[in-house]
Structure formats: C-alpha cells, structure tokens
Protein backbone atom coordinates (compact mmCIF):
# COMPACT_ATOMS: atom_id res chain seq x y z
CA UNK A 1 0.20 -0.23 -0.07
CA UNK A 2 1.01 3.59 -0.85
CA UNK A 3 1.27 5.78 1.86
CA UNK A 4 -0.10 9.43 1.15
CA UNK A 5 1.95 11.77 -0.32
CA UNK A 6 4.89 9.30 -1.51
CA UNK A 7 5.89 9.22 -5.51
CA UNK A 8 4.59 5.87 -6.67
CA UNK A 9 7.17 3.56 -8.11
CA UNK A 10 5.45 4.73 -11.46
CA UNK A 11 5.53 8.73 -11.02
CA UNK A 12 9.44 8.15 -10.01
CA UNK A 13 9.98 6.95 -13.14
CA UNK A 14 7.63 9.26 -15.17
CA UNK A 15 9.43 12.21 -13.56
CA UNK A 16 12.73 10.66 -14.02
CA UNK A 17 11.99 10.10 -17.74
CA UNK A 18 10.77 13.55 -18.89
CA UNK A 19 13.48 15.58 -16.82
CA UNK A 20 15.96 13.61 -18.97
CA UNK A 21 13.26 14.65 -22.18
CA UNK A 22 13.90 17.51 -20.97
CA UNK A 23 17.88 17.61 -21.05
CA UNK A 24 17.30 16.15 -24.68
CA UNK A 25 15.94 18.64 -25.58
CA UNK A 26 18.09 21.27 -23.90
CA UNK A 27 20.84 19.45 -25.23
CA UNK A 28 19.82 18.77 -29.31
CA UNK A 29 19.60 22.58 -28.94
CA UNK A 30 22.47 23.39 -27.76
CA UNK A 31 24.03 22.08 -30.37
CA UNK A 32 21.83 23.08 -32.83
CA UNK A 33 23.22 26.50 -31.48
CA UNK A 34 26.51 26.01 -31.62
CA UNK A 35 28.12 23.75 -29.52
CA UNK A 36 28.20 20.39 -31.18
CA UNK A 37 30.09 18.39 -28.87
CA UNK A 38 27.09 18.28 -25.88
CA UNK A 39 26.08 15.48 -25.54
CA UNK A 40 22.48 13.91 -24.21
CA UNK A 41 22.65 13.48 -20.13
CA UNK A 42 22.23 9.94 -18.48
CA UNK A 43 19.75 8.01 -17.67
CA UNK A 44 19.27 10.02 -14.18
CA UNK A 45 19.11 13.10 -16.73
CA UNK A 46 22.92 14.05 -15.73
CA UNK A 47 24.99 16.15 -17.74
CA UNK A 48 28.37 14.32 -17.88
CA UNK A 49 30.75 17.46 -19.73
CA UNK A 50 33.55 19.45 -19.74
CA UNK A 51 32.55 23.12 -21.76
CA UNK A 52 35.00 23.13 -24.64
CA UNK A 53 33.47 26.34 -25.60
CA UNK A 54 33.86 29.20 -24.78
CA UNK A 55 32.02 31.54 -22.12
CA UNK A 56 30.74 32.98 -24.95
CA UNK A 57 29.38 30.70 -27.56
CA UNK A 58 28.15 28.95 -24.15
CA UNK A 59 25.98 32.13 -23.10
CA UNK A 60 24.91 32.88 -26.73
CA UNK A 61 23.93 29.15 -27.30
CA UNK A 62 21.29 29.32 -24.08
CA UNK A 63 20.45 32.37 -24.50
CA UNK A 64 18.79 31.74 -28.08
CA UNK A 65 17.73 27.84 -26.19
CA UNK A 66 14.93 30.09 -23.63
CA UNK A 67 14.15 32.72 -26.21
C-alpha cells in the first residue's frame, strides 16, 4: 500500500523520464546553436560534460534556448 503523499514508483519513473527528455531537448538545441559536442544526459538526466567552447558561445547558445 502506498503512503499518502509518497510518490509511486511509476510516478518517480515518469518524473525521471520527463527530466531526461527535457535534457535531451536542451542538448539538441545547444548542439544546433554552437555547442556541437554536448552529449545527451545520462539515464539520471545529468550531463557529464566539460565545456569545450568559450563562455561567449555557451551564453549565446543558452540565450537562444531560452528565447
């Protein structure tokens, strides 16, 4: 029986999938906008990446993503 307020296993898995999906979309956009080697996030939705572009290129790509 599930406790009130406790996430179900399915709910937690759905949240994890949604977080990773958002990360994949972010990575795709960043690759299209000047950060060609940004990988997709890992299964946990985390990025394992050392920035290989200048701060200016990174900021421009992030700005385009949020525009």
